[in-house]
Amino acid sequence: DANRELADEAVPYQPELEHDTGLLEAETLIATVRSLAEQLGNEPYHPEAAKIKMKELLNEHQTQALEPYRESVNSAVVTACDQYGIALLREDDVDEWW
């Protein structure tokens, strides 16, 4: 089930981080990544344009608070792009966009 796979990619709940604004920002960004991927999946196939839009989204979220969650966000980008068939990416490629 695709939704279950995406849920597995989310940052795991950690009670000690309940007031961590970086975690909240990461979860919000991951949700936005999924939403954008779904939107792009409904448009004509153009992987380079999809990559540019994802890169722009990450560039809008250049905060120090996201640093510990960067790997989870990168993984979410790769998974969402693959799930919606908009681009084939590697986490290393996405990490360079930050």
Protein backbone atom coordinates (compact mmCIF):
# COMPACT_ATOMS: atom_id res chain seq x y z
CA ASP A 1 0.00 0.00 0.00
CA ALA A 2 1.55 3.28 -1.17
CA ASN A 3 0.21 5.35 1.75
CA ARG A 4 1.72 2.90 4.23
CA GLU A 5 5.09 3.17 2.47
CA LEU A 6 4.95 6.96 2.69
CA ALA A 7 3.99 6.78 6.35
CA ASP A 8 7.06 4.63 6.96
CA GLU A 9 9.21 7.41 5.46
CA ALA A 10 7.96 10.01 7.94
CA VAL A 11 10.11 11.16 10.82
CA PRO A 12 9.31 8.79 13.73
CA TYR A 13 7.57 10.26 16.77
CA GLN A 14 9.92 10.97 19.64
CA PRO A 15 8.27 12.40 22.78
CA GLU A 16 11.43 14.24 23.83
CA LEU A 17 11.21 16.24 20.61
CA GLU A 18 7.58 17.23 21.07
CA HIS A 19 8.46 20.92 21.23
CA ASP A 20 11.12 20.71 18.54
CA THR A 21 10.22 23.27 15.89
CA GLY A 22 12.64 21.60 13.47
CA LEU A 23 10.67 18.36 13.67
CA LEU A 24 7.42 20.21 13.00
CA GLU A 25 9.03 22.04 10.10
CA ALA A 26 10.39 18.77 8.69
CA GLU A 27 7.00 17.06 8.93
CA THR A 28 5.34 20.05 7.26
CA LEU A 29 7.95 20.08 4.51
CA ILE A 30 7.55 16.33 3.91
CA ALA A 31 3.77 16.79 3.60
CA THR A 32 4.36 19.65 1.14
CA VAL A 33 6.80 17.50 -0.86
CA ARG A 34 4.17 14.76 -1.15
CA SER A 35 1.50 17.25 -2.17
CA LEU A 36 3.74 18.79 -4.83
CA ALA A 37 4.71 15.35 -6.14
CA GLU A 38 1.06 14.38 -6.42
CA GLN A 39 0.28 17.63 -8.26
CA LEU A 40 3.22 17.14 -10.65
CA GLY A 41 2.16 13.53 -11.20
CA ASN A 42 -1.07 14.82 -12.72
CA GLU A 43 0.79 17.01 -15.21
CA PRO A 44 2.52 15.92 -18.44
CA TYR A 45 5.75 14.02 -17.75
CA HIS A 46 8.68 16.43 -17.52
CA PRO A 47 11.29 15.22 -15.02
CA GLU A 48 13.62 18.22 -15.31
CA ALA A 49 10.79 20.65 -14.52
CA ALA A 50 9.76 18.45 -11.57
CA LYS A 51 13.32 18.48 -10.23
CA ILE A 52 13.47 22.27 -10.50
CA LYS A 53 10.19 22.65 -8.59
CA MET A 54 11.33 20.26 -5.85
CA LYS A 55 14.66 22.07 -5.60
CA GLU A 56 12.86 25.42 -5.28
CA LEU A 57 10.70 23.98 -2.51
CA LEU A 58 13.75 22.81 -0.56
CA ASN A 59 15.45 26.15 -1.08
CA GLU A 60 12.46 27.86 0.56
CA HIS A 61 13.19 25.82 3.71
CA GLN A 62 16.85 26.58 4.32
CA THR A 63 16.84 26.61 8.11
CA GLN A 64 19.29 25.25 10.64
CA ALA A 65 16.37 23.60 12.46
CA LEU A 66 15.89 21.17 9.59
CA GLU A 67 19.47 19.88 9.67
CA PRO A 68 18.86 16.79 11.85
CA TYR A 69 15.92 15.83 9.61
CA ARG A 70 17.55 16.49 6.27
CA GLU A 71 18.04 12.80 5.49
CA SER A 72 14.36 12.07 6.17
CA VAL A 73 13.29 14.95 3.93
CA ASN A 74 15.66 13.78 1.17
CA SER A 75 14.23 10.27 1.42
CA ALA A 76 10.68 11.64 1.26
CA VAL A 77 11.51 13.58 -1.92
CA VAL A 78 12.96 10.48 -3.61
CA THR A 79 10.04 8.29 -2.53
CA ALA A 80 7.35 10.79 -3.55
CA CYS A 81 8.93 11.45 -6.95
CA ASP A 82 9.17 7.72 -7.58
CA GLN A 83 5.65 6.99 -6.34
CA TYR A 84 4.06 9.60 -8.60
CA GLY A 85 6.37 8.81 -11.51
CA ILE A 86 7.67 12.35 -11.92
CA ALA A 87 11.44 11.77 -11.69
CA LEU A 88 13.99 9.14 -10.76
CA LEU A 89 16.27 10.53 -8.08
CA ARG A 90 18.87 9.40 -5.59
CA GLU A 91 19.09 10.79 -2.07
CA ASP A 92 22.61 12.05 -2.83
CA ASP A 93 21.24 14.12 -5.72
CA VAL A 94 18.53 15.64 -3.55
CA ASP A 95 21.01 16.39 -0.76
CA GLU A 96 22.95 18.63 -3.17
CA TRP A 97 19.88 20.83 -3.62
CA TRP A 98 20.04 22.21 -0.07
